[in-house]
Protein backbone atom coordinates (compact mmCIF):
# COMPACT_ATOMS: atom_id res chain seq x y z
CA UNK A 1 -28.45 174.90 239.28
CA UNK A 2 -27.80 178.62 239.52
CA UNK A 3 -24.38 177.94 241.04
CA UNK A 4 -23.63 175.57 238.15
CA UNK A 5 -24.46 178.26 235.61
CA UNK A 6 -22.29 180.82 237.40
CA UNK A 7 -19.34 178.41 237.48
CA UNK A 8 -19.77 177.60 233.81
CA UNK A 9 -19.86 181.30 232.99
CA UNK A 10 -16.56 181.79 234.85
CA UNK A 11 -15.13 178.82 232.94
CA UNK A 12 -16.16 180.34 229.61
CA UNK A 13 -14.85 183.79 230.52
CA UNK A 14 -11.52 182.52 231.91
CA UNK A 15 -9.71 182.72 228.51
CA UNK A 16 -10.59 186.40 228.31
CA UNK A 17 -9.31 186.96 231.86
CA UNK A 18 -6.04 185.34 230.81
CA UNK A 19 -5.89 187.44 227.63
CA UNK A 20 -6.41 190.57 229.72
CA UNK A 21 -3.61 189.47 232.06
CA UNK A 22 -1.32 188.83 229.07
CA UNK A 23 -2.05 192.32 227.70
CA UNK A 24 -1.40 193.97 231.07
CA UNK A 25 1.88 192.08 231.46
CA UNK A 26 3.03 193.20 228.01
CA UNK A 27 2.01 196.78 228.80
CA UNK A 28 3.54 196.88 232.29
CA UNK A 29 6.88 195.44 231.25
CA UNK A 30 8.58 197.15 234.19
CA UNK A 31 6.41 195.38 236.76
CA UNK A 32 8.40 193.35 239.35
CA UNK A 33 8.89 189.73 238.31
CA UNK A 34 7.26 188.28 241.43
CA UNK A 35 4.09 190.25 240.78
CA UNK A 36 3.98 189.00 237.18
CA UNK A 37 4.13 185.38 238.25
CA UNK A 38 1.56 185.98 240.99
CA UNK A 39 -0.88 187.35 238.40
CA UNK A 40 -0.41 184.34 236.10
CA UNK A 41 -0.82 181.82 238.91
CA UNK A 42 -3.91 183.60 240.24
CA UNK A 43 -5.58 183.59 236.80
CA UNK A 44 -4.72 179.93 236.17
CA UNK A 45 -5.93 178.88 239.61
CA UNK A 46 -9.20 180.76 239.08
CA UNK A 47 -9.79 179.02 235.76
CA UNK A 48 -8.85 175.58 237.14
CA UNK A 49 -11.09 176.01 240.19
CA UNK A 50 -13.99 177.03 237.94
CA UNK A 51 -13.42 173.94 235.78
CA UNK A 52 -13.16 171.65 238.82
CA UNK A 53 -16.29 172.99 240.53
CA UNK A 54 -18.24 173.05 237.28
CA UNK A 55 -17.26 169.46 236.57
CA UNK A 56 -18.14 168.43 240.10
CA UNK A 57 -21.56 170.08 239.94
CA UNK A 58 -22.28 168.32 236.68
CA UNK A 59 -21.31 164.89 237.97
CA UNK A 60 -23.41 165.35 241.10
CA UNK A 61 -26.48 167.07 239.68
CA UNK A 62 -27.08 166.92 235.96
CA UNK A 63 -25.04 164.11 234.30
CA UNK A 64 -25.68 166.06 231.09
CA UNK A 65 -23.91 168.79 229.16
CA UNK A 66 -22.78 171.46 231.58
CA UNK A 67 -24.01 174.11 229.16
CA UNK A 68 -27.63 172.96 229.33
CA UNK A 69 -29.99 175.78 230.17
CA UNK A 70 -27.25 178.43 230.00
CA UNK A 71 -26.97 180.92 227.16
CA UNK A 72 -23.29 180.87 226.21
CA UNK A 73 -21.48 183.60 224.30
CA UNK A 74 -21.66 183.06 220.53
CA UNK A 75 -19.18 180.51 219.26
CA UNK A 76 -18.37 179.03 222.68
CA UNK A 77 -19.68 175.92 224.43
CA UNK A 78 -18.80 173.73 227.37
CA UNK A 79 -19.03 169.98 227.81
CA UNK A 80 -17.67 167.12 229.84
CA UNK A 81 -14.50 166.63 227.79
CA UNK A 82 -13.93 170.40 227.63
CA UNK A 83 -14.25 170.65 231.43
CA UNK A 84 -11.71 167.84 231.96
CA UNK A 85 -9.27 169.44 229.56
CA UNK A 86 -9.76 172.93 231.01
CA UNK A 87 -9.02 171.59 234.48
CA UNK A 88 -5.92 169.77 233.23
CA UNK A 89 -4.55 172.70 231.22
CA UNK A 90 -4.99 175.39 233.85
CA UNK A 91 -3.67 173.18 236.64
CA UNK A 92 -0.54 172.45 234.62
CA UNK A 93 -0.30 176.12 233.70
CA UNK A 94 -0.27 177.12 237.35
CA UNK A 95 2.45 174.56 238.16
CA UNK A 96 4.56 175.57 235.13
CA UNK A 97 4.22 179.26 236.05
CA UNK A 98 5.48 178.54 239.57
CA UNK A 99 8.39 176.52 238.18
CA UNK A 100 9.20 179.27 235.66
CA UNK A 101 9.39 181.88 238.43
CA UNK A 102 12.21 179.91 240.07
CA UNK A 103 13.83 178.74 236.82
CA UNK A 104 14.10 182.26 235.34
CA UNK A 105 15.00 184.08 238.52
CA UNK A 106 17.46 186.84 237.61
CA UNK A 107 16.93 186.39 233.83
CA UNK A 108 16.29 189.36 231.58
CA UNK A 109 13.05 189.42 229.61
CA UNK A 110 10.84 187.75 232.22
CA UNK A 111 7.92 190.06 231.33
CA UNK A 112 8.12 188.96 227.69
CA UNK A 113 8.21 185.31 228.76
CA UNK A 114 5.33 185.75 231.22
CA UNK A 115 3.16 187.50 228.65
CA UNK A 116 3.76 184.74 226.06
CA UNK A 117 3.05 182.00 228.64
CA UNK A 118 -0.23 183.65 229.61
CA UNK A 119 -1.10 184.02 225.94
CA UNK A 120 -0.56 180.29 225.36
CA UNK A 121 -2.77 179.38 228.32
CA UNK A 122 -5.51 181.76 227.16
CA UNK A 123 -5.44 180.51 223.57
CA UNK A 124 -5.46 176.84 224.64
CA UNK A 125 -8.42 177.47 226.94
CA UNK A 126 -10.27 179.27 224.15
CA UNK A 127 -9.59 176.37 221.76
CA UNK A 128 -11.00 173.87 224.26
CA UNK A 129 -14.23 175.90 224.53
CA UNK A 130 -14.54 176.79 220.82
CA UNK A 131 -17.80 175.88 219.07
CA UNK A 132 -17.17 177.78 215.84
CA UNK A 133 -14.70 176.96 213.10
CA UNK A 134 -13.20 180.47 212.98
CA UNK A 135 -12.77 180.64 216.76
CA UNK A 136 -11.12 177.21 216.75
CA UNK A 137 -8.69 178.23 214.00
CA UNK A 138 -7.99 181.64 215.56
CA UNK A 139 -7.29 180.05 218.95
CA UNK A 140 -4.89 177.53 217.40
CA UNK A 141 -3.11 180.35 215.56
CA UNK A 142 -2.85 182.19 218.87
CA UNK A 143 -1.26 179.15 220.50
CA UNK A 144 1.28 178.95 217.67
CA UNK A 145 2.22 182.65 217.76
CA UNK A 146 2.56 182.83 221.56
CA UNK A 147 4.50 179.56 221.71
CA UNK A 148 6.86 180.81 218.98
CA UNK A 149 7.94 183.62 221.30
CA UNK A 150 8.64 181.12 224.07
CA UNK A 151 10.64 178.82 221.81
CA UNK A 152 12.78 181.78 220.71
CA UNK A 153 13.24 183.14 224.24
CA UNK A 154 16.99 182.65 223.92
CA UNK A 155 17.47 184.55 220.67
CA UNK A 156 21.18 183.65 220.34
CA UNK A 157 20.58 179.91 219.87
CA UNK A 158 20.46 179.03 216.16
CA UNK A 159 19.01 175.53 216.51
CA UNK A 160 16.11 176.81 218.60
CA UNK A 161 15.43 179.50 216.00
CA UNK A 162 15.52 176.96 213.15
CA UNK A 163 13.19 174.56 214.97
CA UNK A 164 10.73 177.37 215.76
CA UNK A 165 10.83 178.48 212.11
CA UNK A 166 10.05 174.95 210.91
CA UNK A 167 7.17 174.69 213.36
CA UNK A 168 5.84 178.09 212.32
CA UNK A 169 5.67 177.11 208.64
CA UNK A 170 4.13 173.71 209.42
CA UNK A 171 1.46 175.43 211.52
CA UNK A 172 0.60 177.80 208.69
CA UNK A 173 0.09 174.83 206.38
CA UNK A 174 -2.21 173.30 209.00
CA UNK A 175 -4.12 176.60 209.20
CA UNK A 176 -4.73 176.53 205.44
CA UNK A 177 -6.03 172.96 205.66
CA UNK A 178 -8.33 173.90 208.55
CA UNK A 179 -9.70 176.89 206.63
CA UNK A 180 -10.45 174.64 203.64
CA UNK A 181 -12.14 172.11 205.94
CA UNK A 182 -14.18 174.88 207.56
CA UNK A 183 -15.30 176.15 204.14
CA UNK A 184 -16.43 172.69 203.02
CA UNK A 185 -18.25 172.06 206.31
CA UNK A 186 -20.02 175.43 206.13
CA UNK A 187 -21.15 174.80 202.56
CA UNK A 188 -22.49 171.36 203.41
CA UNK A 189 -24.20 172.21 206.71
CA UNK A 190 -25.09 175.87 206.12
CA UNK A 191 -23.49 176.96 209.39
CA UNK A 192 -19.97 177.39 210.74
CA UNK A 193 -21.02 176.05 214.15
CA UNK A 194 -19.22 172.86 215.18
CA UNK A 195 -22.25 171.64 217.16
CA UNK A 196 -24.44 172.12 214.09
CA UNK A 197 -21.96 170.12 212.00
CA UNK A 198 -21.93 167.22 214.45
CA UNK A 199 -25.72 167.18 214.73
CA UNK A 200 -26.01 167.20 210.94
CA UNK A 201 -23.63 164.27 210.63
CA UNK A 202 -25.47 162.22 213.26
CA UNK A 203 -28.81 162.82 211.53
CA UNK A 204 -27.88 162.73 207.84
CA UNK A 205 -24.40 161.20 207.64
CA UNK A 206 -21.48 162.69 205.71
CA UNK A 207 -21.64 163.64 202.05
CA UNK A 208 -18.63 163.87 199.74
CA UNK A 209 -17.72 167.38 200.89
CA UNK A 210 -17.74 166.31 204.54
CA UNK A 211 -15.56 163.31 203.67
CA UNK A 212 -12.99 165.70 202.20
CA UNK A 213 -13.45 167.98 205.21
CA UNK A 214 -12.63 165.08 207.56
CA UNK A 215 -9.50 164.18 205.58
CA UNK A 216 -8.30 167.80 205.65
CA UNK A 217 -8.98 167.93 209.40
CA UNK A 218 -6.93 164.77 209.96
CA UNK A 219 -4.02 166.13 207.93
CA UNK A 220 -4.10 169.44 209.83
CA UNK A 221 -4.14 167.64 213.20
CA UNK A 222 -1.29 165.34 212.10
CA UNK A 223 0.83 168.36 211.16
CA UNK A 224 0.05 170.13 214.43
CA UNK A 225 0.87 166.96 216.36
CA UNK A 226 4.33 166.70 214.70
CA UNK A 227 3.59 163.49 212.82
CA UNK A 228 5.78 162.29 209.97
CA UNK A 229 7.47 163.90 208.10
CA UNK A 230 7.18 167.30 209.87
CA UNK A 231 8.27 165.91 213.24
CA UNK A 232 11.79 167.34 213.37
CA UNK A 233 10.97 170.59 215.18
CA UNK A 234 9.59 168.66 218.17
CA UNK A 235 12.96 166.94 218.62
CA UNK A 236 15.00 170.12 218.15
CA UNK A 237 13.30 172.58 220.52
CA UNK A 238 15.21 171.28 223.55
CA UNK A 239 17.26 174.49 223.69
CA UNK A 240 14.17 176.36 224.90
CA UNK A 241 13.74 176.77 228.68
CA UNK A 242 12.75 173.57 230.47
CA UNK A 243 9.27 174.83 231.52
CA UNK A 244 8.59 175.65 227.86
CA UNK A 245 9.40 172.04 226.95
CA UNK A 246 7.02 170.88 229.69
CA UNK A 247 4.27 173.17 228.37
CA UNK A 248 4.85 172.05 224.78
CA UNK A 249 4.92 168.30 225.44
CA UNK A 250 2.22 168.26 228.14
CA UNK A 251 -0.32 170.80 226.95
CA UNK A 252 0.19 171.98 223.36
CA UNK A 253 1.03 168.96 221.21
CA UNK A 254 -1.89 167.10 222.83
CA UNK A 255 -4.39 169.58 221.41
CA UNK A 256 -4.59 167.62 218.17
CA UNK A 257 -5.94 164.63 220.08
CA UNK A 258 -8.62 166.77 221.72
CA UNK A 259 -9.71 168.20 218.36
CA UNK A 260 -10.09 164.69 216.93
CA UNK A 261 -12.16 163.65 219.96
CA UNK A 262 -14.29 166.78 219.53
CA UNK A 263 -15.03 165.82 215.92
CA UNK A 264 -15.61 162.11 216.70
CA UNK A 265 -19.07 161.92 214.99
CA UNK A 266 -17.55 163.33 211.78
CA UNK A 267 -14.70 160.80 211.86
CA UNK A 268 -17.15 157.95 212.44
CA UNK A 269 -18.98 158.94 209.26
CA UNK A 270 -15.80 159.29 207.16
CA UNK A 271 -13.98 155.97 206.79
CA UNK A 272 -11.11 157.37 204.63
CA UNK A 273 -10.22 159.87 207.35
CA UNK A 274 -10.18 157.11 209.98
CA UNK A 275 -7.88 154.88 207.93
CA UNK A 276 -5.61 157.85 207.26
CA UNK A 277 -5.43 158.41 211.03
CA UNK A 278 -4.50 154.76 211.59
CA UNK A 279 -1.79 154.93 208.92
CA UNK A 280 -0.26 158.18 210.20
CA UNK A 281 -0.44 157.15 213.83
CA UNK A 282 1.06 153.70 213.28
CA UNK A 283 3.90 154.92 211.06
CA UNK A 284 4.88 157.66 213.50
CA UNK A 285 4.70 155.37 216.53
CA UNK A 286 6.67 152.66 214.72
CA UNK A 287 9.47 154.98 213.59
CA UNK A 288 9.69 156.83 216.92
CA UNK A 289 9.83 153.52 218.79
CA UNK A 290 12.84 152.34 216.80
CA UNK A 291 14.61 155.71 217.05
CA UNK A 292 14.23 155.75 220.85
CA UNK A 293 16.25 152.52 221.04
CA UNK A 294 19.27 154.21 219.44
CA UNK A 295 19.37 157.60 221.19
CA UNK A 296 21.49 158.43 224.23
CA UNK A 297 20.35 161.94 225.22
CA UNK A 298 17.64 161.77 227.88
CA UNK A 299 15.71 164.84 226.71
CA UNK A 300 15.88 163.71 223.09
CA UNK A 301 14.49 160.33 224.11
CA UNK A 302 11.66 162.12 225.92
CA UNK A 303 10.91 164.07 222.74
CA UNK A 304 10.81 160.92 220.62
CA UNK A 305 8.62 159.37 223.30
CA UNK A 306 6.16 162.24 222.86
CA UNK A 307 6.10 161.61 219.11
CA UNK A 308 5.40 157.91 219.70
CA UNK A 309 2.63 158.72 222.20
CA UNK A 310 1.01 161.21 219.82
CA UNK A 311 1.06 158.56 217.11
CA UNK A 312 -0.55 156.11 219.51
CA UNK A 313 -3.22 158.68 220.41
CA UNK A 314 -4.06 159.27 216.75
CA UNK A 315 -4.24 155.51 216.34
CA UNK A 316 -6.76 155.28 219.19
CA UNK A 317 -8.94 157.93 217.55
CA UNK A 318 -8.71 156.17 214.19
CA UNK A 319 -9.80 152.91 215.82
CA UNK A 320 -12.79 154.56 217.48
CA UNK A 321 -11.42 154.20 221.05
CA UNK A 322 -12.17 157.77 222.06
CA UNK A 323 -12.51 157.11 225.80
CA UNK A 324 -9.06 155.55 225.84
CA UNK A 325 -7.75 158.53 223.86
CA UNK A 326 -9.05 160.96 226.52
CA UNK A 327 -7.44 158.93 229.31
CA UNK A 328 -4.23 158.69 227.27
CA UNK A 329 -4.22 162.45 226.74
CA UNK A 330 -4.65 163.18 230.46
CA UNK A 331 -2.11 160.58 231.56
CA UNK A 332 0.48 161.62 228.99
CA UNK A 333 0.13 165.30 229.93
CA UNK A 334 0.70 164.60 233.62
CA UNK A 335 3.61 162.25 232.95
CA UNK A 336 5.43 164.55 230.52
CA UNK A 337 4.97 167.59 232.74
CA UNK A 338 6.53 165.68 235.64
CA UNK A 339 9.29 164.23 233.43
CA UNK A 340 10.45 167.62 232.13
CA UNK A 341 10.00 169.59 235.35
CA UNK A 342 12.02 166.94 237.19
CA UNK A 343 14.42 166.35 234.31
CA UNK A 344 17.44 166.64 236.60
CA UNK A 345 16.35 163.63 238.62
CA UNK A 346 15.33 161.82 235.41
CA UNK A 347 18.81 162.30 233.97
CA UNK A 348 20.40 161.10 237.22
CA UNK A 349 18.30 157.94 237.27
CA UNK A 350 19.07 157.27 233.59
CA UNK A 351 22.80 157.70 234.21
CA UNK A 352 22.65 155.24 237.12
CA UNK A 353 20.83 152.78 234.85
CA UNK A 354 23.52 153.22 232.19
CA UNK A 355 26.25 152.58 234.77
CA UNK A 356 24.55 149.33 235.76
CA UNK A 357 24.53 148.37 232.08
CA UNK A 358 21.55 147.74 229.87
CA UNK A 359 22.41 144.17 228.98
CA UNK A 360 20.60 142.00 226.47
CA UNK A 361 17.34 140.23 227.13
CA UNK A 362 17.24 136.45 227.19
CA UNK A 363 15.66 134.98 224.07
CA UNK A 364 13.32 132.73 226.02
CA UNK A 365 11.99 135.74 227.98
CA UNK A 366 11.26 137.65 224.77
CA UNK A 367 9.21 134.67 223.55
CA UNK A 368 7.36 134.07 226.80
CA UNK A 369 6.76 137.74 227.71
CA UNK A 370 4.04 138.45 225.09
CA UNK A 371 2.32 135.17 225.95
CA UNK A 372 2.25 136.06 229.64
CA UNK A 373 1.08 139.62 229.09
CA UNK A 374 -1.54 138.46 226.56
CA UNK A 375 -2.91 135.91 229.04
CA UNK A 376 -2.82 138.51 231.80
CA UNK A 377 -4.52 141.31 229.87
CA UNK A 378 -7.05 139.07 228.10
CA UNK A 379 -7.97 137.23 231.28
CA UNK A 380 -8.40 140.35 233.36
CA UNK A 381 -10.20 142.31 230.64
CA UNK A 382 -12.61 139.44 229.99
CA UNK A 383 -13.36 139.06 233.68
CA UNK A 384 -14.04 142.79 233.88
CA UNK A 385 -16.17 142.64 230.74
CA UNK A 386 -18.41 140.14 232.47
CA UNK A 387 -19.19 142.84 235.02
CA UNK A 388 -19.53 145.48 232.24
CA UNK A 389 -16.55 147.43 233.54
CA UNK A 390 -14.53 147.58 230.30
CA UNK A 391 -15.73 147.90 226.74
CA UNK A 392 -12.60 147.57 224.60
CA UNK A 393 -12.36 144.69 222.06
CA UNK A 394 -10.15 141.61 222.34
CA UNK A 395 -7.66 142.78 219.72
CA UNK A 396 -6.92 145.88 221.77
CA UNK A 397 -6.01 143.61 224.69
CA UNK A 398 -3.49 141.83 222.47
CA UNK A 399 -2.12 145.15 221.25
CA UNK A 400 -1.65 146.30 224.84
CA UNK A 401 0.00 142.97 225.65
CA UNK A 402 2.59 143.51 222.91
CA UNK A 403 3.21 147.09 224.06
CA UNK A 404 3.76 146.00 227.68
CA UNK A 405 5.66 142.76 226.99
CA UNK A 406 9.18 144.37 227.19
CA UNK A 407 8.47 145.12 230.85
CA UNK A 408 8.70 141.37 231.49
CA UNK A 409 11.95 140.76 229.60
CA UNK A 410 14.70 139.17 231.70
CA UNK A 411 18.35 140.02 231.14
CA UNK A 412 20.55 137.09 230.19
CA UNK A 413 23.26 138.08 232.72
CA UNK A 414 20.96 138.32 235.76
CA UNK A 415 20.42 135.45 238.17
CA UNK A 416 17.14 133.62 237.80
CA UNK A 417 15.54 134.31 241.18
CA UNK A 418 16.38 138.01 241.12
CA UNK A 419 15.03 138.44 237.58
CA UNK A 420 11.87 136.50 238.34
CA UNK A 421 11.27 138.59 241.46
CA UNK A 422 11.59 141.84 239.52
CA UNK A 423 9.33 140.57 236.75
CA UNK A 424 6.70 139.42 239.24
CA UNK A 425 6.69 142.97 240.57
CA UNK A 426 6.33 144.27 236.99
CA UNK A 427 3.42 141.90 236.45
CA UNK A 428 1.71 143.23 239.57
CA UNK A 429 2.23 146.76 238.28
CA UNK A 430 0.65 145.78 234.95
CA UNK A 431 -2.37 144.35 236.73
CA UNK A 432 -2.72 147.52 238.79
CA UNK A 433 -2.37 149.71 235.69
CA UNK A 434 -4.98 147.74 233.78
CA UNK A 435 -7.43 147.85 236.68
CA UNK A 436 -6.93 151.62 237.02
CA UNK A 437 -7.66 152.11 233.31
CA UNK A 438 -10.73 149.88 233.50
CA UNK A 439 -11.99 151.67 236.61
CA UNK A 440 -11.44 155.08 235.00
CA UNK A 441 -13.39 154.05 231.90
CA UNK A 442 -16.26 152.83 234.08
CA UNK A 443 -16.32 155.48 236.80
CA UNK A 444 -15.31 158.70 235.03
CA UNK A 445 -17.84 160.19 232.60
CA UNK A 446 -15.54 161.63 229.96
CA UNK A 447 -18.22 162.82 227.55
CA UNK A 448 -17.27 160.40 224.73
CA UNK A 449 -17.84 156.76 223.92
CA UNK A 450 -16.06 154.00 222.04
CA UNK A 451 -16.98 152.57 218.66
CA UNK A 452 -14.24 150.04 217.83
CA UNK A 453 -13.50 149.17 214.20
CA UNK A 454 -12.37 145.56 213.93
CA UNK A 455 -10.81 145.75 210.45
CA UNK A 456 -8.51 148.64 211.29
CA UNK A 457 -7.85 147.08 214.69
CA UNK A 458 -6.56 143.85 213.17
CA UNK A 459 -4.27 145.84 210.86
CA UNK A 460 -2.91 147.81 213.84
CA UNK A 461 -2.35 144.56 215.74
CA UNK A 462 -0.33 143.12 212.84
CA UNK A 463 1.87 146.24 212.68
CA UNK A 464 2.40 146.16 216.45
CA UNK A 465 3.45 142.51 216.17
CA UNK A 466 5.98 143.51 213.49
CA UNK A 467 7.32 146.28 215.74
CA UNK A 468 7.71 143.86 218.65
CA UNK A 469 9.53 141.38 216.45
CA UNK A 470 11.93 144.09 215.24
CA UNK A 471 12.59 145.31 218.79
CA UNK A 472 13.28 141.78 219.96
CA UNK A 473 15.57 141.09 217.00
CA UNK A 474 17.77 144.02 217.99
CA UNK A 475 18.40 142.24 221.30
CA UNK A 476 19.77 139.11 219.59
CA UNK A 477 23.47 139.43 218.61
CA UNK A 478 23.15 137.41 215.38
CA UNK A 479 20.11 139.35 214.18
CA UNK A 480 21.48 142.66 215.44
CA UNK A 481 24.49 142.37 213.13
CA UNK A 482 22.20 142.03 210.11
CA UNK A 483 20.01 144.89 211.36
CA UNK A 484 22.92 147.30 211.84
CA UNK A 485 21.94 149.36 208.73
CA UNK A 486 18.45 149.71 210.21
CA UNK A 487 19.97 150.88 213.49
CA UNK A 488 22.00 153.56 211.71
CA UNK A 489 18.96 154.67 209.75
CA UNK A 490 16.93 154.77 212.97
CA UNK A 491 19.54 156.89 214.73
CA UNK A 492 19.28 159.41 211.88
CA UNK A 493 15.49 159.38 212.02
CA UNK A 494 15.51 157.84 208.53
CA UNK A 495 16.70 161.27 207.26
CA UNK A 496 13.12 162.51 206.92
CA UNK A 497 13.74 165.69 208.86
CA UNK A 498 16.79 166.59 206.76
CA UNK A 499 14.68 166.51 203.61
CA UNK A 500 11.94 168.58 205.27
CA UNK A 501 14.49 171.13 206.57
CA UNK A 502 15.99 171.62 203.10
CA UNK A 503 12.49 172.12 201.69
CA UNK A 504 11.59 174.68 204.37
CA UNK A 505 14.79 176.69 203.88
CA UNK A 506 14.29 176.64 200.13
CA UNK A 507 10.70 177.90 200.39
CA UNK A 508 11.30 180.43 203.17
CA UNK A 509 14.93 181.06 204.18
CA UNK A 510 15.57 182.32 207.70
CA UNK A 511 18.49 184.29 209.10
CA UNK A 512 19.94 182.27 211.98
CA UNK A 513 21.80 183.97 214.85
CA UNK A 514 25.47 183.22 215.27
CA UNK A 515 26.17 180.75 218.04
CA UNK A 516 28.08 182.18 220.97
CA UNK A 517 31.69 181.01 220.76
CA UNK A 518 34.54 181.00 223.24
CA UNK A 519 37.22 183.64 222.56
CA UNK A 520 40.20 182.41 220.62
CA UNK A 521 43.49 182.21 222.50
CA UNK A 522 46.30 184.51 221.30
CA UNK A 523 49.30 182.83 219.77
CA UNK A 524 51.53 181.44 222.48
CA UNK A 525 49.07 182.15 225.31
CA UNK A 526 48.54 179.41 227.94
CA UNK A 527 45.30 177.48 227.44
CA UNK A 528 44.36 177.67 231.12
CA UNK A 529 44.55 181.48 231.11
CA UNK A 530 42.21 181.69 228.12
CA UNK A 531 39.67 179.31 229.62
CA UNK A 532 39.58 181.21 232.88
């Protein structure tokens, strides 16, 4: 037990080690680049090893909160979910630091970049361990400020500057909402401790002030997670360095999901906040899903995919499926980190797919696919439920079936045996994926449970059915002609970001740098000489 307490103490102190490293990097700006990256990787590996060993000791010895019996510093606490997230964040941070060392080799300003990256990792780690409203808010502000420096690393790119400015203002609005929520919670509970708030809610329920607090918390998380209509900056930060995009999509945007999971008892006692989560998550996932069908750029599609996944994660929290939300958060972080750090190969594979031609799906396959996936998911989930392996409700199985049905679509121009062979392989992959999710829910103690809400679940299922019908209609030539205005609106993101951008520039104008332009050719000069 003593070793467990020592490991937990290292886990709690790791944010301060990272902050110290960030300060030293900023102070020693003339330090060789290789030494800077070695310091960052060493600090991240230390924090990730502490999280891994602490989590392992807990699973083997205590099966309880890893902070039991250990006096933590004021305002900080550890737990199962915090240990999982700390391990994930610091492991990704170490990988991203190693990638950044190669990506930025020979670049000017590496010390500034390294200091900001370390600051983001320290602030994220502090947020994961926060047990006090002010520490939580301060850590999230720290993430925003340090990330702003990374997004503006290339100061001569106007679109990156504009996107970072829009994110900065949206984050300040979220900070105000969080401060209001913290004030209401402190008045109602008599303490600014998050643990005290959750214990109070479990014992006494939520009064009117805590209901408003939960709504403000949901709105703040939605803004931080780039939900509608403040989503535009997430799509437009692609001019930042690739490892910054990986850090943003894999470890920063996901923080909203963790905060909702942390406040799960409060959400369970505040029905308006839960329904607001369902509405925001569904609308964002629905819009992002349609926009992804119209975009060509690979990195832009990845960004819209992140928006759709964040909407889906908020939906899971609103439906009370917190265990699935934790698994979704971990899986999405690993996938997006790999997708951005290997974006060159991703682009190459996408280009090869485009050369082969997308084709249109056969109508009969679009009708049969949801039936097959529904039978597959329902049958397997019910058989696992008999053995008490899964705990999700039947309507979630149908929702998953609709989400996975396009994997079984068959192109109209592909021969029957070839298409059936590929779809049989896809079906096997679906079975494997479902069994992995079920096993993870049963075998991995994630520190949270699931409390499904059938009414909201049926509403989400109806919206998902509408989304599937719209996606299938775009594959049918006759329907696609009638839906062409919707396709144009989808390509433009329904013009929501344009309205938000005008509002931001009206409230707080920003001076944008001039884009670097090629020199103009003198009159009569050959074009080739100018280009050379």
